PDB file of N, CA and C in Angstrom:
ATOM      1  N   MET A   1     -26.076  52.868  92.426  1.00  0.00           N
ATOM      2  CA  MET A   1     -25.940  51.675  91.327  1.00  0.00           C
ATOM      3  C   MET A   1     -25.990  50.658  92.151  1.00  0.00           C
ATOM      4  N   GLN A   2     -26.195  49.399  91.335  1.00  0.00           N
ATOM      5  CA  GLN A   2     -26.766  48.199  91.660  1.00  0.00           C
ATOM      6  C   GLN A   2     -25.747  47.182  90.881  1.00  0.00           C
ATOM      7  N   LEU A   3     -25.337  45.973  91.495  1.00  0.00           N
ATOM      8  CA  LEU A   3     -24.778  45.037  90.639  1.00  0.00           C
ATOM      9  C   LEU A   3     -25.869  43.756  90.658  1.00  0.00           C
ATOM     10  N   THR A   4     -25.993  43.027  89.657  1.00  0.00           N
ATOM     11  CA  THR A   4     -26.895  42.163  89.773  1.00  0.00           C
ATOM     12  C   THR A   4     -26.425  40.892  89.302  1.00  0.00           C
ATOM     13  N   THR A   5     -27.378  39.436  89.597  1.00  0.00           N
ATOM     14  CA  THR A   5     -26.927  38.195  89.308  1.00  0.00           C
ATOM     15  C   THR A   5     -28.351  37.668  89.006  1.00  0.00           C
ATOM     16  N   ALA A   6     -28.548  36.994  88.307  1.00  0.00           N
ATOM     17  CA  ALA A   6     -29.709  36.261  87.801  1.00  0.00           C
ATOM     18  C   ALA A   6     -29.696  34.887  87.093  1.00  0.00           C
ATOM     19  N   VAL A   7     -30.744  34.101  87.596  1.00  0.00           N
ATOM     20  CA  VAL A   7     -30.874  32.735  86.708  1.00  0.00           C
ATOM     21  C   VAL A   7     -32.184  32.508  86.537  1.00  0.00           C
ATOM     22  N   GLU A   8     -32.161  31.687  85.203  1.00  0.00           N
ATOM     23  CA  GLU A   8     -33.529  31.495  84.727  1.00  0.00           C
ATOM     24  C   GLU A   8     -33.791  29.851  85.280  1.00  0.00           C
ATOM     25  N   VAL A   9     -35.307  30.024  85.575  1.00  0.00           N
ATOM     26  CA  VAL A   9     -35.824  28.674  86.044  1.00  0.00           C
ATOM     27  C   VAL A   9     -37.049  28.201  85.660  1.00  0.00           C
ATOM     28  N   ARG A  10     -37.024  26.862  85.288  1.00  0.00           N
ATOM     29  CA  ARG A  10     -38.361  26.493  84.644  1.00  0.00           C
ATOM     30  C   ARG A  10     -39.226  26.338  85.737  1.00  0.00           C
ATOM     31  N   ALA A  11     -40.126  27.632  85.958  1.00  0.00           N
ATOM     32  CA  ALA A  11     -41.094  27.466  86.959  1.00  0.00           C
ATOM     33  C   ALA A  11     -41.966  28.748  86.576  1.00  0.00           C
ATOM     34  N   SER A  12     -43.007  28.708  87.192  1.00  0.00           N
ATOM     35  CA  SER A  12     -43.916  29.825  86.700  1.00  0.00           C
ATOM     36  C   SER A  12     -43.481  30.935  87.687  1.00  0.00           C
ATOM     37  N   LEU A  13     -43.855  32.268  86.979  1.00  0.00           N
ATOM     38  CA  LEU A  13     -43.566  33.554  87.826  1.00  0.00           C
ATOM     39  C   LEU A  13     -44.188  33.363  89.211  1.00  0.00           C
ATOM     40  N   ALA A  14     -45.341  32.718  89.376  1.00  0.00           N
ATOM     41  CA  ALA A  14     -46.019  32.585  90.823  1.00  0.00           C
ATOM     42  C   ALA A  14     -45.377  31.983  91.757  1.00  0.00           C
ATOM     43  N   ALA A  15     -45.003  30.810  91.302  1.00  0.00           N
ATOM     44  CA  ALA A  15     -43.882  29.875  91.994  1.00  0.00           C
ATOM     45  C   ALA A  15     -42.736  30.451  92.505  1.00  0.00           C
ATOM     46  N   ALA A  16     -42.013  31.109  91.721  1.00  0.00           N
ATOM     47  CA  ALA A  16     -40.722  31.921  92.004  1.00  0.00           C
ATOM     48  C   ALA A  16     -40.983  32.971  92.781  1.00  0.00           C
ATOM     49  N   TRP A  17     -41.895  33.537  92.676  1.00  0.00           N
ATOM     50  CA  TRP A  17     -42.317  34.788  93.923  1.00  0.00           C
ATOM     51  C   TRP A  17     -42.702  34.287  94.999  1.00  0.00           C
ATOM     52  N   GLU A  18     -43.785  33.260  95.196  1.00  0.00           N
ATOM     53  CA  GLU A  18     -43.949  32.452  96.549  1.00  0.00           C
ATOM     54  C   GLU A  18     -42.935  32.195  97.284  1.00  0.00           C
ATOM     55  N   LEU A  19     -41.430  31.690  96.829  1.00  0.00           N
ATOM     56  CA  LEU A  19     -40.433  31.335  97.230  1.00  0.00           C
ATOM     57  C   LEU A  19     -39.885  32.432  97.715  1.00  0.00           C
ATOM     58  N   LEU A  20     -39.667  33.486  97.099  1.00  0.00           N
ATOM     59  CA  LEU A  20     -38.937  34.711  97.658  1.00  0.00           C
ATOM     60  C   LEU A  20     -39.550  35.448  98.596  1.00  0.00           C
ATOM     61  N   ILE A  21     -40.970  35.699  98.752  1.00  0.00           N
ATOM     62  CA  ILE A  21     -41.832  36.010  99.833  1.00  0.00           C
ATOM     63  C   ILE A  21     -41.940  35.309 101.073  1.00  0.00           C
ATOM     64  N   ASP A  22     -42.046  33.923 101.089  1.00  0.00           N
ATOM     65  CA  ASP A  22     -42.096  33.290 102.158  1.00  0.00           C
ATOM     66  C   ASP A  22     -41.007  33.339 103.014  1.00  0.00           C
ATOM     67  N   THR A  23     -40.925  33.707 104.578  1.00  0.00           N
ATOM     68  CA  THR A  23     -39.912  33.918 105.355  1.00  0.00           C
ATOM     69  C   THR A  23     -39.654  32.557 105.662  1.00  0.00           C
ATOM     70  N   ARG A  24     -40.692  31.791 105.776  1.00  0.00           N
ATOM     71  CA  ARG A  24     -40.384  30.100 106.313  1.00  0.00           C
ATOM     72  C   ARG A  24     -39.231  29.319 105.513  1.00  0.00           C
ATOM     73  N   ARG A  25     -39.239  29.895 104.120  1.00  0.00           N
ATOM     74  CA  ARG A  25     -38.492  29.181 103.152  1.00  0.00           C
ATOM     75  C   ARG A  25     -36.852  30.182 102.785  1.00  0.00           C
ATOM     76  N   TRP A  26     -36.936  31.277 103.399  1.00  0.00           N
ATOM     77  CA  TRP A  26     -35.665  31.941 103.348  1.00  0.00           C
ATOM     78  C   TRP A  26     -34.375  30.966 103.763  1.00  0.00           C
ATOM     79  N   PRO A  27     -34.463  30.438 104.880  1.00  0.00           N
ATOM     80  CA  PRO A  27     -33.219  29.434 104.963  1.00  0.00           C
ATOM     81  C   PRO A  27     -32.849  28.673 104.082  1.00  0.00           C
ATOM     82  N   GLU A  28     -33.591  28.130 103.316  1.00  0.00           N
ATOM     83  CA  GLU A  28     -33.613  26.956 102.508  1.00  0.00           C
ATOM     84  C   GLU A  28     -32.955  27.555 101.090  1.00  0.00           C
ATOM     85  N   TRP A  29     -33.018  28.647 100.618  1.00  0.00           N
ATOM     86  CA  TRP A  29     -32.286  29.174  99.586  1.00  0.00           C
ATOM     87  C   TRP A  29     -31.268  30.513  99.895  1.00  0.00           C
ATOM     88  N   GLY A  30     -31.191  30.825 101.254  1.00  0.00           N
ATOM     89  CA  GLY A  30     -30.409  31.928 101.629  1.00  0.00           C
ATOM     90  C   GLY A  30     -29.079  31.374 102.171  1.00  0.00           C
ATOM     91  N   PRO A  31     -28.069  31.567 101.683  1.00  0.00           N
ATOM     92  CA  PRO A  31     -27.052  30.820 102.343  1.00  0.00           C
ATOM     93  C   PRO A  31     -26.434  31.860 103.680  1.00  0.00           C
ATOM     94  N   SER A  32     -26.815  32.785 103.869  1.00  0.00           N
ATOM     95  CA  SER A  32     -26.733  33.966 104.764  1.00  0.00           C
ATOM     96  C   SER A  32     -27.672  33.898 106.216  1.00  0.00           C
ATOM     97  N   ILE A  33     -28.728  33.311 105.707  1.00  0.00           N
ATOM     98  CA  ILE A  33     -29.879  33.055 106.614  1.00  0.00           C
ATOM     99  C   ILE A  33     -30.149  31.860 107.260  1.00  0.00           C
ATOM    100  N   ILE A  34     -30.043  31.450 108.659  1.00  0.00           N
ATOM    101  CA  ILE A  34     -30.737  30.329 109.155  1.00  0.00           C
ATOM    102  C   ILE A  34     -31.860  30.330 110.091  1.00  0.00           C
ATOM    103  N   GLY A  35     -32.427  31.449 110.174  1.00  0.00           N
ATOM    104  CA  GLY A  35     -33.844  31.773 110.927  1.00  0.00           C
ATOM    105  C   GLY A  35     -34.097  32.910 110.658  1.00  0.00           C
ATOM    106  N   VAL A  36     -35.576  32.910 110.854  1.00  0.00           N
ATOM    107  CA  VAL A  36     -36.314  34.188 110.518  1.00  0.00           C
ATOM    108  C   VAL A  36     -37.438  34.119 111.608  1.00  0.00           C
ATOM    109  N   GLU A  37     -37.817  35.323 112.128  1.00  0.00           N
ATOM    110  CA  GLU A  37     -38.900  35.782 112.743  1.00  0.00           C
ATOM    111  C   GLU A  37     -39.554  37.109 112.329  1.00  0.00           C
ATOM    112  N   SER A  38     -40.760  37.148 111.614  1.00  0.00           N
ATOM    113  CA  SER A  38     -41.433  37.916 110.980  1.00  0.00           C
ATOM    114  C   SER A  38     -42.936  38.470 111.538  1.00  0.00           C
ATOM    115  N   THR A  39     -43.274  39.608 111.050  1.00  0.00           N
ATOM    116  CA  THR A  39     -44.678  39.841 111.336  1.00  0.00           C
ATOM    117  C   THR A  39     -45.745  39.075 110.721  1.00  0.00           C
ATOM    118  N   GLU A  40     -45.023  38.732 109.719  1.00  0.00           N
ATOM    119  CA  GLU A  40     -45.812  37.701 108.633  1.00  0.00           C
ATOM    120  C   GLU A  40     -45.271  36.813 107.948  1.00  0.00           C
ATOM    121  N   ARG A  41     -45.991  35.732 107.693  1.00  0.00           N
ATOM    122  CA  ARG A  41     -45.043  34.404 106.828  1.00  0.00           C
ATOM    123  C   ARG A  41     -44.651  35.095 105.379  1.00  0.00           C
ATOM    124  N   CYS A  42     -45.673  35.407 105.062  1.00  0.00           N
ATOM    125  CA  CYS A  42     -45.128  36.279 103.508  1.00  0.00           C
ATOM    126  C   CYS A  42     -45.053  37.888 103.403  1.00  0.00           C
ATOM    127  N   ILE A  43     -44.169  38.200 103.037  1.00  0.00           N
ATOM    128  CA  ILE A  43     -43.921  39.508 103.232  1.00  0.00           C
ATOM    129  C   ILE A  43     -44.727  40.507 102.399  1.00  0.00           C
ATOM    130  N   GLY A  44     -44.906  41.610 102.763  1.00  0.00           N
ATOM    131  CA  GLY A  44     -45.853  42.690 102.100  1.00  0.00           C
ATOM    132  C   GLY A  44     -44.888  43.837 102.331  1.00  0.00           C
ATOM    133  N   PRO A  45     -45.689  45.236 102.126  1.00  0.00           N
ATOM    134  CA  PRO A  45     -45.074  46.476 101.878  1.00  0.00           C
ATOM    135  C   PRO A  45     -44.429  46.860 103.627  1.00  0.00           C
ATOM    136  N   ARG A  46     -44.856  46.478 104.500  1.00  0.00           N
ATOM    137  CA  ARG A  46     -44.528  46.856 105.531  1.00  0.00           C
ATOM    138  C   ARG A  46     -43.903  45.704 106.559  1.00  0.00           C
ATOM    139  N   THR A  47     -43.612  44.733 106.105  1.00  0.00           N
ATOM    140  CA  THR A  47     -43.289  43.537 106.866  1.00  0.00           C
ATOM    141  C   THR A  47     -41.916  43.984 107.751  1.00  0.00           C
ATOM    142  N   THR A  48     -41.821  43.552 109.034  1.00  0.00           N
ATOM    143  CA  THR A  48     -40.649  43.711 109.823  1.00  0.00           C
ATOM    144  C   THR A  48     -40.094  42.367 110.220  1.00  0.00           C
ATOM    145  N   GLY A  49     -39.266  42.364 110.936  1.00  0.00           N
ATOM    146  CA  GLY A  49     -38.710  41.158 111.660  1.00  0.00           C
ATOM    147  C   GLY A  49     -37.427  41.169 111.879  1.00  0.00           C
ATOM    148  N   ARG A  50     -37.036  39.999 111.830  1.00  0.00           N
ATOM    149  CA  ARG A  50     -35.467  39.639 112.141  1.00  0.00           C
ATOM    150  C   ARG A  50     -34.735  38.434 111.479  1.00  0.00           C
ATOM    151  N   VAL A  51     -33.744  38.369 111.041  1.00  0.00           N
ATOM    152  CA  VAL A  51     -33.156  37.280 110.409  1.00  0.00           C
ATOM    153  C   VAL A  51     -31.916  36.705 111.149  1.00  0.00           C
ATOM    154  N   ARG A  52     -31.800  35.518 111.529  1.00  0.00           N
ATOM    155  CA  ARG A  52     -30.676  34.842 112.099  1.00  0.00           C
ATOM    156  C   ARG A  52     -29.439  34.742 111.031  1.00  0.00           C
ATOM    157  N   THR A  53     -28.188  35.301 111.171  1.00  0.00           N
ATOM    158  CA  THR A  53     -27.311  34.946 110.207  1.00  0.00           C
ATOM    159  C   THR A  53     -26.606  33.717 110.411  1.00  0.00           C
ATOM    160  N   ALA A  54     -25.593  33.548 109.524  1.00  0.00           N
ATOM    161  CA  ALA A  54     -25.095  32.068 109.229  1.00  0.00           C
ATOM    162  C   ALA A  54     -24.135  32.059 110.644  1.00  0.00           C
ATOM    163  N   ILE A  55     -23.725  33.145 111.170  1.00  0.00           N
ATOM    164  CA  ILE A  55     -22.707  33.237 112.291  1.00  0.00           C
ATOM    165  C   ILE A  55     -23.596  33.489 113.597  1.00  0.00           C
ATOM    166  N   GLY A  56     -24.920  33.266 113.407  1.00  0.00           N
ATOM    167  CA  GLY A  56     -25.682  33.324 114.868  1.00  0.00           C
ATOM    168  C   GLY A  56     -26.421  34.665 115.186  1.00  0.00           C
ATOM    169  N   LEU A  57     -25.852  35.726 114.681  1.00  0.00           N
ATOM    170  CA  LEU A  57     -26.577  36.968 115.110  1.00  0.00           C
ATOM    171  C   LEU A  57     -27.756  37.323 114.511  1.00  0.00           C
ATOM    172  N   TRP A  58     -28.660  37.829 115.521  1.00  0.00           N
ATOM    173  CA  TRP A  58     -30.103  38.107 114.954  1.00  0.00           C
ATOM    174  C   TRP A  58     -29.771  39.778 114.194  1.00  0.00           C
ATOM    175  N   LEU A  59     -30.396  40.140 113.268  1.00  0.00           N
ATOM    176  CA  LEU A  59     -30.559  41.300 112.953  1.00  0.00           C
ATOM    177  C   LEU A  59     -31.938  41.728 112.475  1.00  0.00           C
ATOM    178  N   PRO A  60     -32.283  42.961 112.604  1.00  0.00           N
ATOM    179  CA  PRO A  60     -33.576  43.485 112.480  1.00  0.00           C
ATOM    180  C   PRO A  60     -33.724  43.637 110.843  1.00  0.00           C
ATOM    181  N   PHE A  61     -34.824  43.576 110.295  1.00  0.00           N
ATOM    182  CA  PHE A  61     -35.066  43.953 109.147  1.00  0.00           C
ATOM    183  C   PHE A  61     -36.585  44.465 108.718  1.00  0.00           C
ATOM    184  N   ARG A  62     -36.391  45.081 107.521  1.00  0.00           N
ATOM    185  CA  ARG A  62     -37.831  46.049 107.173  1.00  0.00           C
ATOM    186  C   ARG A  62     -37.888  46.011 105.877  1.00  0.00           C
ATOM    187  N   ILE A  63     -39.054  45.694 105.146  1.00  0.00           N
ATOM    188  CA  ILE A  63     -38.979  45.769 103.840  1.00  0.00           C
ATOM    189  C   ILE A  63     -39.551  47.279 103.364  1.00  0.00           C
ATOM    190  N   THR A  64     -38.546  47.512 102.651  1.00  0.00           N
ATOM    191  CA  THR A  64     -38.481  49.006 102.008  1.00  0.00           C
ATOM    192  C   THR A  64     -39.045  49.556 100.804  1.00  0.00           C
ATOM    193  N   HIS A  65     -39.390  48.137  99.890  1.00  0.00           N
ATOM    194  CA  HIS A  65     -39.990  48.413  98.635  1.00  0.00           C
ATOM    195  C   HIS A  65     -40.853  47.216  98.153  1.00  0.00           C
ATOM    196  N   PHE A  66     -41.886  47.050  97.936  1.00  0.00           N
ATOM    197  CA  PHE A  66     -42.631  45.914  97.543  1.00  0.00           C
ATOM    198  C   PHE A  66     -43.691  46.337  96.404  1.00  0.00           C
ATOM    199  N   ILE A  67     -43.419  45.307  95.340  1.00  0.00           N
ATOM    200  CA  ILE A  67     -44.261  45.385  94.227  1.00  0.00           C
ATOM    201  C   ILE A  67     -44.566  44.043  94.014  1.00  0.00           C
ATOM    202  N   SER A  68     -45.918  43.800  94.328  1.00  0.00           N
ATOM    203  CA  SER A  68     -46.568  42.414  94.398  1.00  0.00           C
ATOM    204  C   SER A  68     -46.344  41.708  92.787  1.00  0.00           C
ATOM    205  N   ASN A  69     -45.863  40.539  92.955  1.00  0.00           N
ATOM    206  CA  ASN A  69     -45.262  39.648  91.756  1.00  0.00           C
ATOM    207  C   ASN A  69     -44.288  40.004  91.001  1.00  0.00           C
ATOM    208  N   GLU A  70     -43.313  41.091  91.588  1.00  0.00           N
ATOM    209  CA  GLU A  70     -42.367  41.974  90.684  1.00  0.00           C
ATOM    210  C   GLU A  70     -41.372  41.945  91.351  1.00  0.00           C
ATOM    211  N   GLN A  71     -41.265  42.712  92.619  1.00  0.00           N
ATOM    212  CA  GLN A  71     -40.067  42.753  93.472  1.00  0.00           C
ATOM    213  C   GLN A  71     -40.273  43.262  94.686  1.00  0.00           C
ATOM    214  N   TRP A  72     -38.901  43.254  95.597  1.00  0.00           N
ATOM    215  CA  TRP A  72     -38.965  43.770  96.743  1.00  0.00           C
ATOM    216  C   TRP A  72     -37.382  44.065  97.045  1.00  0.00           C
ATOM    217  N   ARG A  73     -37.480  44.993  98.188  1.00  0.00           N
ATOM    218  CA  ARG A  73     -36.182  45.468  98.804  1.00  0.00           C
ATOM    219  C   ARG A  73     -36.102  45.421 100.241  1.00  0.00           C
ATOM    220  N   TRP A  74     -35.185  45.214 100.721  1.00  0.00           N
ATOM    221  CA  TRP A  74     -35.259  45.270 102.377  1.00  0.00           C
ATOM    222  C   TRP A  74     -34.011  46.137 102.848  1.00  0.00           C
ATOM    223  N   ARG A  75     -34.025  46.507 104.161  1.00  0.00           N
ATOM    224  CA  ARG A  75     -32.839  46.927 104.731  1.00  0.00           C
ATOM    225  C   ARG A  75     -32.756  45.749 106.071  1.00  0.00           C
ATOM    226  N   VAL A  76     -31.440  45.795 106.227  1.00  0.00           N
ATOM    227  CA  VAL A  76     -31.250  44.693 107.653  1.00  0.00           C
ATOM    228  C   VAL A  76     -30.284  45.204 108.446  1.00  0.00           C
ATOM    229  N   ALA A  77     -30.515  45.594 109.692  1.00  0.00           N
ATOM    230  CA  ALA A  77     -29.836  46.152 110.694  1.00  0.00           C
ATOM    231  C   ALA A  77     -29.767  47.738 109.889  1.00  0.00           C
ATOM    232  N   GLY A  78     -30.736  48.254 109.559  1.00  0.00           N
ATOM    233  CA  GLY A  78     -30.886  49.604 109.110  1.00  0.00           C
ATOM    234  C   GLY A  78     -30.044  50.031 107.896  1.00  0.00           C
ATOM    235  N   ILE A  79     -29.422  48.885 107.270  1.00  0.00           N
ATOM    236  CA  ILE A  79     -28.464  49.118 105.943  1.00  0.00           C
ATOM    237  C   ILE A  79     -28.980  48.542 104.779  1.00  0.00           C
ATOM    238  N   PRO A  80     -29.377  49.358 103.592  1.00  0.00           N
ATOM    239  CA  PRO A  80     -29.760  48.820 102.503  1.00  0.00           C
ATOM    240  C   PRO A  80     -28.987  47.675 102.143  1.00  0.00           C
ATOM    241  N   ALA A  81     -29.949  46.576 102.029  1.00  0.00           N
ATOM    242  CA  ALA A  81     -29.429  45.368 101.492  1.00  0.00           C
ATOM    243  C   ALA A  81     -29.723  44.768 100.058  1.00  0.00           C
ATOM    244  N   THR A  82     -30.119  43.767  99.886  1.00  0.00           N
ATOM    245  CA  THR A  82     -30.435  42.966  98.748  1.00  0.00           C
ATOM    246  C   THR A  82     -31.731  43.543  98.084  1.00  0.00           C
ATOM    247  N   GLY A  83     -31.957  43.373  96.530  1.00  0.00           N
ATOM    248  CA  GLY A  83     -33.388  43.611  95.882  1.00  0.00           C
ATOM    249  C   GLY A  83     -33.268  42.113  95.347  1.00  0.00           C
ATOM    250  N   HIS A  84     -34.857  41.818  95.297  1.00  0.00           N
ATOM    251  CA  HIS A  84     -35.175  40.602  94.468  1.00  0.00           C
ATOM    252  C   HIS A  84     -36.289  40.892  93.902  1.00  0.00           C
ATOM    253  N   ARG A  85     -36.112  40.237  92.455  1.00  0.00           N
ATOM    254  CA  ARG A  85     -37.104  40.640  91.374  1.00  0.00           C
ATOM    255  C   ARG A  85     -37.247  39.045  90.907  1.00  0.00           C
ATOM    256  N   VAL A  86     -38.582  39.187  89.904  1.00  0.00           N
ATOM    257  CA  VAL A  86     -38.957  37.981  89.216  1.00  0.00           C
ATOM    258  C   VAL A  86     -39.270  38.640  88.029  1.00  0.00           C
ATOM    259  N   GLU A  87     -39.092  38.099  86.805  1.00  0.00           N
ATOM    260  CA  GLU A  87     -39.468  38.470  85.563  1.00  0.00           C
ATOM    261  C   GLU A  87     -39.723  37.189  84.714  1.00  0.00           C
ATOM    262  N   PRO A  88     -41.112  37.491  83.833  1.00  0.00           N
ATOM    263  CA  PRO A  88     -41.418  36.176  82.784  1.00  0.00           C
ATOM    264  C   PRO A  88     -40.501  36.083  81.562  1.00  0.00           C
ATOM    265  N   VAL A  89     -40.119  35.016  81.441  1.00  0.00           N
ATOM    266  CA  VAL A  89     -39.358  34.664  80.051  1.00  0.00           C
ATOM    267  C   VAL A  89     -40.428  34.085  79.327  1.00  0.00           C
ATOM    268  N   ALA A  90     -40.990  33.210  79.895  1.00  0.00           N
ATOM    269  CA  ALA A  90     -42.227  32.181  78.898  1.00  0.00           C
ATOM    270  C   ALA A  90     -43.017  31.932  80.005  1.00  0.00           C
ATOM    271  N   PRO A  91     -44.145  31.223  79.563  1.00  0.00           N
ATOM    272  CA  PRO A  91     -45.379  30.776  80.501  1.00  0.00           C
ATOM    273  C   PRO A  91     -44.670  30.255  81.856  1.00  0.00           C
ATOM    274  N   ASP A  92     -43.689  29.147  81.447  1.00  0.00           N
ATOM    275  CA  ASP A  92     -43.207  28.243  82.621  1.00  0.00           C
ATOM    276  C   ASP A  92     -41.735  28.445  82.665  1.00  0.00           C
ATOM    277  N   MET A  93     -41.218  29.676  82.509  1.00  0.00           N
ATOM    278  CA  MET A  93     -39.783  30.061  82.675  1.00  0.00           C
ATOM    279  C   MET A  93     -39.712  31.590  83.255  1.00  0.00           C
ATOM    280  N   THR A  94     -38.978  31.669  84.394  1.00  0.00           N
ATOM    281  CA  THR A  94     -38.923  32.751  85.204  1.00  0.00           C
ATOM    282  C   THR A  94     -37.515  33.025  85.142  1.00  0.00           C
ATOM    283  N   ARG A  95     -37.175  34.570  85.274  1.00  0.00           N
ATOM    284  CA  ARG A  95     -35.776  35.027  85.559  1.00  0.00           C
ATOM    285  C   ARG A  95     -35.806  35.540  87.302  1.00  0.00           C
ATOM    286  N   VAL A  96     -35.045  34.941  87.717  1.00  0.00           N
ATOM    287  CA  VAL A  96     -34.858  35.499  89.258  1.00  0.00           C
ATOM    288  C   VAL A  96     -33.743  36.253  89.377  1.00  0.00           C
ATOM    289  N   ILE A  97     -33.681  37.629  89.729  1.00  0.00           N
ATOM    290  CA  ILE A  97     -32.849  38.383  89.993  1.00  0.00           C
ATOM    291  C   ILE A  97     -32.360  39.044  91.286  1.00  0.00           C
ATOM    292  N   PHE A  98     -31.216  39.046  91.736  1.00  0.00           N
ATOM    293  CA  PHE A  98     -31.051  39.597  92.861  1.00  0.00           C
ATOM    294  C   PHE A  98     -30.191  40.962  92.677  1.00  0.00           C
ATOM    295  N   GLU A  99     -30.434  42.247  93.127  1.00  0.00           N
ATOM    296  CA  GLU A  99     -29.480  43.457  93.150  1.00  0.00           C
ATOM    297  C   GLU A  99     -28.976  43.410  94.351  1.00  0.00           C
ATOM    298  N   VAL A 100     -27.514  43.835  94.422  1.00  0.00           N
ATOM    299  CA  VAL A 100     -26.752  44.311  95.387  1.00  0.00           C
ATOM    300  C   VAL A 100     -25.851  45.529  95.240  1.00  0.00           C
ATOM    301  N   PRO A 101     -26.321  46.198  96.618  1.00  0.00           N
ATOM    302  CA  PRO A 101     -25.993  47.780  96.269  1.00  0.00           C
ATOM    303  C   PRO A 101     -23.966  47.640  95.839  1.00  0.00           C
ATOM    304  N   LEU A 102     -23.565  48.880  95.179  1.00  0.00           N
ATOM    305  CA  LEU A 102     -22.246  48.718  94.856  1.00  0.00           C
ATOM    306  C   LEU A 102     -21.198  48.380  95.998  1.00  0.00           C
ATOM    307  N   LEU A 103     -21.519  49.385  97.247  1.00  0.00           N
ATOM    308  CA  LEU A 103     -20.845  49.129  98.567  1.00  0.00           C
ATOM    309  C   LEU A 103     -20.864  47.649  98.775  1.00  0.00           C
ATOM    310  N   ALA A 104     -21.603  46.818  98.534  1.00  0.00           N
ATOM    311  CA  ALA A 104     -21.602  45.375  98.902  1.00  0.00           C
ATOM    312  C   ALA A 104     -21.492  44.271  97.798  1.00  0.00           C
ATOM    313  N   ALA A 105     -20.681  44.936  97.070  1.00  0.00           N
ATOM    314  CA  ALA A 105     -20.189  44.083  95.657  1.00  0.00           C
ATOM    315  C   ALA A 105     -19.767  42.541  96.177  1.00  0.00           C
ATOM    316  N   PRO A 106     -18.928  42.417  97.348  1.00  0.00           N
ATOM    317  CA  PRO A 106     -18.601  40.993  97.631  1.00  0.00           C
ATOM    318  C   PRO A 106     -19.820  39.931  97.782  1.00  0.00           C
ATOM    319  N   TYR A 107     -20.898  40.714  98.383  1.00  0.00           N
ATOM    320  CA  TYR A 107     -22.134  39.732  98.620  1.00  0.00           C
ATOM    321  C   TYR A 107     -22.751  39.394  97.377  1.00  0.00           C
ATOM    322  N   LEU A 108     -22.316  39.673  96.237  1.00  0.00           N
ATOM    323  CA  LEU A 108     -22.779  39.047  95.122  1.00  0.00           C
ATOM    324  C   LEU A 108     -22.758  37.639  95.169  1.00  0.00           C
ATOM    325  N   VAL A 109     -21.699  37.352  95.451  1.00  0.00           N
ATOM    326  CA  VAL A 109     -21.103  35.692  95.365  1.00  0.00           C
ATOM    327  C   VAL A 109     -22.339  35.066  96.075  1.00  0.00           C
ATOM    328  N   VAL A 110     -22.606  35.337  97.319  1.00  0.00           N
ATOM    329  CA  VAL A 110     -23.550  35.014  98.163  1.00  0.00           C
ATOM    330  C   VAL A 110     -25.165  34.873  97.350  1.00  0.00           C
ATOM    331  N   CYS A 111     -25.353  35.846  96.858  1.00  0.00           N
ATOM    332  CA  CYS A 111     -26.537  36.050  95.823  1.00  0.00           C
ATOM    333  C   CYS A 111     -26.527  34.984  94.592  1.00  0.00           C
ATOM    334  N   ARG A 112     -25.254  34.682  93.969  1.00  0.00           N
ATOM    335  CA  ARG A 112     -25.289  33.722  93.163  1.00  0.00           C
ATOM    336  C   ARG A 112     -25.619  32.326  93.483  1.00  0.00           C
ATOM    337  N   LEU A 113     -25.059  31.920  94.734  1.00  0.00           N
ATOM    338  CA  LEU A 113     -25.249  30.893  95.294  1.00  0.00           C
ATOM    339  C   LEU A 113     -26.894  30.920  95.546  1.00  0.00           C
ATOM    340  N   ALA A 114     -27.565  31.840  96.130  1.00  0.00           N
ATOM    341  CA  ALA A 114     -28.750  31.659  96.413  1.00  0.00           C
ATOM    342  C   ALA A 114     -29.756  31.714  95.227  1.00  0.00           C
ATOM    343  N   ALA A 115     -29.046  32.302  94.119  1.00  0.00           N
ATOM    344  CA  ALA A 115     -30.053  32.025  92.843  1.00  0.00           C
ATOM    345  C   ALA A 115     -29.824  30.421  92.278  1.00  0.00           C
ATOM    346  N   GLN A 116     -28.775  30.004  92.383  1.00  0.00           N
ATOM    347  CA  GLN A 116     -28.582  28.570  92.251  1.00  0.00           C
ATOM    348  C   GLN A 116     -29.644  27.726  93.180  1.00  0.00           C
ATOM    349  N   ARG A 117     -29.618  27.884  94.292  1.00  0.00           N
ATOM    350  CA  ARG A 117     -30.557  27.257  95.228  1.00  0.00           C
ATOM    351  C   ARG A 117     -31.831  27.243  94.768  1.00  0.00           C
ATOM    352  N   ILE A 118     -32.133  28.535  94.372  1.00  0.00           N
ATOM    353  CA  ILE A 118     -33.784  28.676  94.106  1.00  0.00           C
ATOM    354  C   ILE A 118     -33.943  27.811  92.830  1.00  0.00           C
ATOM    355  N   LYS A 119     -33.013  27.774  91.952  1.00  0.00           N
ATOM    356  CA  LYS A 119     -33.132  27.162  90.876  1.00  0.00           C
ATOM    357  C   LYS A 119     -33.373  25.721  90.954  1.00  0.00           C
ATOM    358  N   THR A 120     -32.620  25.276  91.734  1.00  0.00           N
ATOM    359  CA  THR A 120     -32.809  23.691  92.388  1.00  0.00           C
ATOM    360  C   THR A 120     -34.121  23.685  92.598  1.00  0.00           C
ATOM    361  N   ILE A 121     -34.262  24.283  93.625  1.00  0.00           N
ATOM    362  CA  ILE A 121     -35.534  24.093  94.624  1.00  0.00           C
ATOM    363  C   ILE A 121     -36.912  24.197  93.771  1.00  0.00           C
ATOM    364  N   LEU A 122     -37.058  25.210  92.766  1.00  0.00           N
ATOM    365  CA  LEU A 122     -38.101  25.030  91.834  1.00  0.00           C
ATOM    366  C   LEU A 122     -38.017  24.240  90.736  1.00  0.00           C
ATOM    367  N   GLU A 123     -36.824  23.552  90.319  1.00  0.00           N
ATOM    368  CA  GLU A 123     -37.081  22.728  89.164  1.00  0.00           C
ATOM    369  C   GLU A 123     -36.762  21.294  89.594  1.00  0.00           C
ATOM    370  N   GLU A 124     -37.124  21.126  91.074  1.00  0.00           N
ATOM    371  CA  GLU A 124     -36.942  19.683  91.573  1.00  0.00           C
ATOM    372  C   GLU A 124     -38.299  18.747  90.835  1.00  0.00           C
ATOM    373  N   VAL A 125     -37.984  17.660  90.726  1.00  0.00           N
ATOM    374  CA  VAL A 125     -39.212  16.823  90.335  1.00  0.00           C
ATOM    375  C   VAL A 125     -39.650  15.916  91.571  1.00  0.00           C
ATOM    376  N   PRO A 126     -41.113  16.464  91.620  1.00  0.00           N
ATOM    377  CA  PRO A 126     -41.558  15.859  92.856  1.00  0.00           C
ATOM    378  C   PRO A 126     -41.619  14.116  92.992  1.00  0.00           C
TER     379      PRO A 126
END
């Protein structure tokens, strides 16, 4: 069972997806991540690496599920972690969804903050 939080953003599906898969940008929107080392800048089905948490610990990660332009899930330190999805709402409107395992329900608060950060980033006026 999964708990979800979502936000609709005025951005294309491609822009939202690119933000979600670009490991260099994870610290911009992920409140619990302050650094990333990865086998690839943009994740794919077999990407591995490690993330530096907000408390300074480096934890290994592995992408466990990947459907291009749609969704990805990962394991952090061997534990099932968040799922990330995008859904088209309109040509320039996208829903960004985070999924959290029921056992990690308190982490949904962090995902809500991440979703709001994504909205801010994608809707910034240049």
